[in-house]
Amino acid sequence: MQPIPVELRARAARWEDLSRSERADLGRALRGHGLSYGEITAVVPVAKGTLAYWCRDVPLTDEQRAAIVERTGSRAGVPRDTQRRRRVEVEQIRSAARAEVPALSRDPLWVAGVCLYWGEGGKSARRLEMSNADPRLLLSFLKWIRRYHDPSCDVVLSLNLHAANDELEARAHWRRALGLPMAPFTKSFIKPEGTGHRKNHLAYGVCRVRLRKSADPWIRTMAWVDRLSAQLVASPEASLASNSGR
């Protein structure tokens, strides 16, 4: 076992007299000293689950991780980077998307869709989605999805309504307007009366269109937005002129 400083051993000897917060501090101190969870539980009587919770934000150095493996012959208690493969995939998607921009920027529909998403699209939760009260805008979004992401356009709809709206009528309206007679809806958000300032409520509310399983398309789209927006901001006249001349 890794040698434990005298001060920490003295605190461990008084375990029964320590408060819960003092026990948590001791657990974190032992972890920070480079002990595995198994080594810590051999010093103080604490459940590994509780210990892992206490130490969730205590980092180990590469040297400490290697030392644990060498001492114990096991990787138990050594944090694993379980997201590494996904991070590599995400960076590959972003790199490929950025490389596509010079060729795709010759297509006015692609440029319009990226700019539309830049302004109106969902920026969080890694979901490719857009909300609006204008069916024409959402139809444009659907056309753009089919062209550049998913020809089958497997989408789900959501509504943001006021209490006075007829939810069933609103759902029927949006299915007709978007040409999606069988589109499923998630639970609608109903805003209670008296919680806003709008007096003339939208008859059919605001509709959100979300592409299913859209984490990768969202990552790709945001990489397009970053690359195209940087290009436009850096030299808008040159960018527009070069696109119009192609």
Protein backbone atom coordinates (compact mmCIF):
# COMPACT_ATOMS: atom_id res chain seq x y z
CA MET A 1 0.00 0.00 0.00
CA GLN A 2 1.04 3.58 -0.61
CA PRO A 3 2.57 5.05 2.58
CA ILE A 4 0.03 7.23 4.37
CA PRO A 5 1.09 10.46 6.10
CA VAL A 6 0.99 10.35 9.91
CA GLU A 7 -1.59 13.14 10.03
CA LEU A 8 -4.03 11.20 7.83
CA ARG A 9 -3.50 8.01 9.84
CA ALA A 10 -4.24 9.93 13.02
CA ARG A 11 -7.49 11.23 11.57
CA ALA A 12 -8.41 7.73 10.39
CA ALA A 13 -7.86 6.40 13.93
CA ARG A 14 -10.50 8.85 15.18
CA TRP A 15 -13.02 7.77 12.50
CA GLU A 16 -15.83 7.05 14.96
CA ASP A 17 -15.56 10.55 16.40
CA LEU A 18 -15.56 12.35 13.05
CA SER A 19 -18.63 14.09 11.62
CA ARG A 20 -19.87 13.10 8.18
CA SER A 21 -18.24 16.11 6.56
CA GLU A 22 -14.95 15.34 8.34
CA ARG A 23 -15.13 11.74 7.13
CA ALA A 24 -15.73 12.96 3.56
CA ASP A 25 -12.76 15.34 3.84
CA LEU A 26 -10.57 12.48 5.04
CA GLY A 27 -11.74 10.23 2.21
CA ARG A 28 -10.89 12.91 -0.34
CA ALA A 29 -7.51 13.54 1.29
CA LEU A 30 -6.62 9.85 1.10
CA ARG A 31 -7.76 9.71 -2.52
CA GLY A 32 -5.75 12.80 -3.34
CA HIS A 33 -2.72 11.09 -1.80
CA GLY A 34 -3.03 8.47 -4.55
CA LEU A 35 -4.79 5.55 -2.85
CA SER A 36 -7.25 3.32 -4.65
CA TYR A 37 -10.76 2.95 -3.27
CA GLY A 38 -9.88 -0.55 -2.02
CA GLU A 39 -6.82 0.76 -0.19
CA ILE A 40 -8.89 3.53 1.42
CA THR A 41 -11.58 1.12 2.63
CA ALA A 42 -8.83 -0.94 4.24
CA VAL A 43 -7.95 2.12 6.32
CA VAL A 44 -11.42 3.45 7.16
CA PRO A 45 -14.78 1.62 7.25
CA VAL A 46 -16.65 3.31 4.42
CA ALA A 47 -18.69 1.87 1.55
CA LYS A 48 -17.02 2.16 -1.86
CA GLY A 49 -20.13 3.76 -3.30
CA THR A 50 -20.07 6.49 -0.67
CA LEU A 51 -16.34 6.94 -1.17
CA ALA A 52 -16.73 7.22 -4.93
CA TYR A 53 -19.36 9.92 -4.42
CA TRP A 54 -17.10 11.87 -2.07
CA CYS A 55 -14.15 11.63 -4.44
CA ARG A 56 -15.92 12.16 -7.76
CA ASP A 57 -14.11 15.47 -8.29
CA VAL A 58 -10.70 14.39 -6.96
CA PRO A 59 -8.34 13.89 -9.93
CA LEU A 60 -5.45 11.42 -10.02
CA THR A 61 -2.23 12.16 -11.85
CA ASP A 62 -0.95 9.77 -14.51
CA GLU A 63 1.79 8.74 -12.07
CA GLN A 64 -0.75 7.96 -9.34
CA ARG A 65 -2.86 5.88 -11.73
CA ALA A 66 0.18 3.89 -12.87
CA ALA A 67 1.25 3.37 -9.25
CA ILE A 68 -2.17 1.97 -8.31
CA VAL A 69 -2.01 -0.54 -11.17
CA GLU A 70 1.53 -1.53 -10.21
CA ARG A 71 0.64 -1.96 -6.51
CA THR A 72 -2.65 -3.77 -6.92
CA GLY A 73 -2.24 -5.51 -10.28
CA SER A 74 -5.71 -4.25 -11.16
CA ARG A 75 -7.29 -1.21 -12.75
CA ALA A 76 -10.11 -1.25 -10.17
CA GLY A 77 -10.31 2.19 -8.62
CA VAL A 78 -8.54 3.82 -11.54
CA PRO A 79 -10.83 6.22 -13.41
CA ARG A 80 -11.35 5.19 -17.03
CA ASP A 81 -11.88 7.62 -19.84
CA THR A 82 -15.07 6.00 -21.12
CA GLN A 83 -15.87 8.89 -23.43
CA ARG A 84 -12.57 8.91 -25.32
CA ARG A 85 -13.88 6.97 -28.35
CA ARG A 86 -16.89 9.26 -28.62
CA ARG A 87 -14.73 12.38 -28.40
CA VAL A 88 -12.63 11.03 -31.27
CA GLU A 89 -15.80 10.36 -33.31
CA VAL A 90 -17.12 13.86 -32.61
CA GLU A 91 -13.88 15.50 -33.71
CA GLN A 92 -13.88 13.38 -36.89
CA ILE A 93 -17.43 14.55 -37.66
CA ARG A 94 -16.46 18.17 -37.06
CA SER A 95 -13.31 17.93 -39.17
CA ALA A 96 -15.19 16.31 -42.06
CA ALA A 97 -17.96 18.92 -41.82
CA ARG A 98 -15.52 21.82 -41.88
CA ALA A 99 -13.83 20.33 -44.94
CA GLU A 100 -17.20 20.18 -46.74
CA VAL A 101 -17.91 23.90 -46.44
CA PRO A 102 -15.96 25.20 -49.51
CA ALA A 103 -17.89 22.89 -51.85
CA LEU A 104 -21.26 23.14 -50.10
CA SER A 105 -21.13 26.94 -49.94
CA ARG A 106 -21.70 26.98 -53.72
CA ASP A 107 -25.24 25.73 -53.04
CA PRO A 108 -27.64 28.59 -52.12
CA LEU A 109 -30.04 26.20 -50.34
CA TRP A 110 -27.27 24.90 -48.11
CA VAL A 111 -26.09 28.43 -47.28
CA ALA A 112 -29.65 29.56 -46.54
CA GLY A 113 -30.26 26.55 -44.31
CA VAL A 114 -27.05 26.99 -42.34
CA CYS A 115 -27.75 30.68 -41.83
CA LEU A 116 -31.31 29.85 -40.78
CA TYR A 117 -30.06 27.33 -38.27
CA TRP A 118 -27.48 29.82 -37.06
CA GLY A 119 -30.30 32.20 -36.21
CA GLU A 120 -33.25 29.97 -35.28
CA GLY A 121 -32.00 26.43 -34.66
CA GLY A 122 -31.49 24.63 -31.38
CA LYS A 123 -27.99 25.18 -30.01
CA SER A 124 -28.04 22.92 -26.94
CA ALA A 125 -28.77 19.29 -26.06
CA ARG A 126 -27.21 18.09 -29.35
CA ARG A 127 -30.59 17.85 -31.05
CA LEU A 128 -31.18 19.14 -34.56
CA GLU A 129 -34.38 21.11 -34.08
CA MET A 130 -36.12 24.36 -34.92
CA SER A 131 -39.13 26.16 -33.45
CA ASN A 132 -41.32 28.70 -35.19
CA ALA A 133 -44.91 29.82 -35.74
CA ASP A 134 -44.44 30.12 -39.53
CA PRO A 135 -45.03 26.82 -41.39
CA ARG A 136 -43.06 28.12 -44.38
CA LEU A 137 -39.91 28.43 -42.32
CA LEU A 138 -40.31 24.94 -40.87
CA LEU A 139 -41.03 23.53 -44.35
CA SER A 140 -37.75 25.07 -45.50
CA PHE A 141 -36.02 23.45 -42.54
CA LEU A 142 -37.52 20.07 -43.44
CA LYS A 143 -36.40 20.44 -47.04
CA TRP A 144 -32.90 21.28 -45.85
CA ILE A 145 -32.82 18.25 -43.51
CA ARG A 146 -33.88 15.93 -46.34
CA ARG A 147 -31.27 17.35 -48.68
CA TYR A 148 -28.26 17.39 -46.37
CA HIS A 149 -28.92 15.02 -43.48
CA ASP A 150 -31.71 12.47 -43.65
CA PRO A 151 -33.81 11.82 -46.78
CA SER A 152 -36.36 9.89 -44.71
CA CYS A 153 -36.68 12.90 -42.39
CA ASP A 154 -37.78 10.96 -39.31
CA VAL A 155 -38.98 13.84 -37.15
CA VAL A 156 -41.05 14.40 -34.03
CA LEU A 157 -43.10 17.53 -33.35
CA SER A 158 -43.79 19.51 -30.18
CA LEU A 159 -46.14 22.41 -29.49
CA ASN A 160 -45.88 25.46 -27.29
CA LEU A 161 -49.45 26.64 -26.66
CA HIS A 162 -51.47 28.98 -24.48
CA ALA A 163 -54.25 27.63 -22.30
CA ALA A 164 -56.86 29.03 -24.70
CA ASN A 165 -55.52 27.04 -27.67
CA ASP A 166 -57.24 23.86 -28.84
CA GLU A 167 -54.42 21.32 -28.68
CA LEU A 168 -56.02 18.72 -30.95
CA GLU A 169 -56.86 21.34 -33.56
CA ALA A 170 -53.30 22.72 -33.33
CA ARG A 171 -51.80 19.28 -33.89
CA ALA A 172 -54.01 18.69 -36.91
CA HIS A 173 -53.06 22.11 -38.30
CA TRP A 174 -49.33 21.50 -38.04
CA ARG A 175 -49.55 18.02 -39.54
CA ARG A 176 -51.39 19.47 -42.54
CA ALA A 177 -49.17 22.52 -42.86
CA LEU A 178 -45.97 20.50 -42.76
CA GLY A 179 -47.22 17.64 -44.92
CA LEU A 180 -46.61 15.13 -42.12
CA PRO A 181 -49.99 13.43 -41.56
CA MET A 182 -48.55 10.73 -39.29
CA ALA A 183 -45.97 12.79 -37.41
CA PRO A 184 -45.85 12.00 -33.68
CA PHE A 185 -46.01 14.72 -31.03
CA THR A 186 -44.31 14.88 -27.68
CA LYS A 187 -46.19 16.37 -24.72
CA SER A 188 -47.19 19.97 -25.43
CA PHE A 189 -46.12 22.84 -23.24
CA ILE A 190 -49.26 24.74 -22.19
CA LYS A 191 -48.63 28.25 -20.88
CA PRO A 192 -51.24 29.19 -18.26
CA GLU A 193 -53.28 32.34 -18.66
CA GLY A 194 -51.97 35.42 -16.92
CA THR A 195 -48.29 34.44 -17.14
CA GLY A 196 -47.37 36.47 -20.22
CA HIS A 197 -47.96 39.77 -21.96
CA ARG A 198 -49.20 38.56 -25.35
CA LYS A 199 -52.87 39.39 -25.85
CA ASN A 200 -53.29 38.09 -29.40
CA HIS A 201 -52.36 34.44 -28.95
CA LEU A 202 -51.15 32.48 -31.97
CA ALA A 203 -54.07 30.34 -33.08
CA TYR A 204 -51.94 27.21 -33.41
CA GLY A 205 -49.04 28.05 -31.13
CA VAL A 206 -45.39 27.51 -31.92
CA CYS A 207 -44.24 24.21 -33.40
CA ARG A 208 -40.87 22.59 -32.88
CA VAL A 209 -39.52 20.14 -35.46
CA ARG A 210 -36.83 17.79 -34.19
CA LEU A 211 -34.93 15.17 -36.17
CA ARG A 212 -34.78 11.88 -34.32
CA LYS A 213 -31.34 10.49 -33.38
CA SER A 214 -29.81 13.76 -34.43
CA ALA A 215 -26.69 14.09 -32.28
CA ASP A 216 -24.32 13.54 -35.22
CA PRO A 217 -26.29 15.75 -37.64
CA TRP A 218 -26.36 18.46 -34.95
CA ILE A 219 -22.59 18.25 -34.48
CA ARG A 220 -22.13 18.41 -38.26
CA THR A 221 -24.47 21.38 -38.57
CA MET A 222 -22.82 23.34 -35.78
CA ALA A 223 -19.44 22.78 -37.41
CA TRP A 224 -20.93 24.17 -40.64
CA VAL A 225 -22.30 27.15 -38.74
CA ASP A 226 -18.94 27.84 -37.11
CA ARG A 227 -17.02 27.63 -40.38
CA LEU A 228 -19.49 29.58 -42.52
CA SER A 229 -20.14 32.26 -39.90
CA ALA A 230 -16.41 32.79 -39.42
CA GLN A 231 -16.01 33.11 -43.19
CA LEU A 232 -18.87 35.61 -43.49
CA VAL A 233 -17.81 37.69 -40.51
CA ALA A 234 -14.18 37.79 -41.62
CA SER A 235 -14.95 38.92 -45.16
CA PRO A 236 -18.66 39.09 -46.02
CA GLU A 237 -18.19 40.92 -49.33
CA ALA A 238 -15.52 38.56 -50.58
CA SER A 239 -17.50 35.49 -49.50
CA LEU A 240 -20.66 36.62 -51.24
CA ALA A 241 -18.79 37.66 -54.36
CA SER A 242 -16.93 34.37 -54.62
CA ASN A 243 -20.16 32.38 -54.21
CA SER A 244 -22.08 34.45 -56.75
CA GLY A 245 -19.35 34.05 -59.32
CA ARG A 246 -19.37 30.29 -59.27
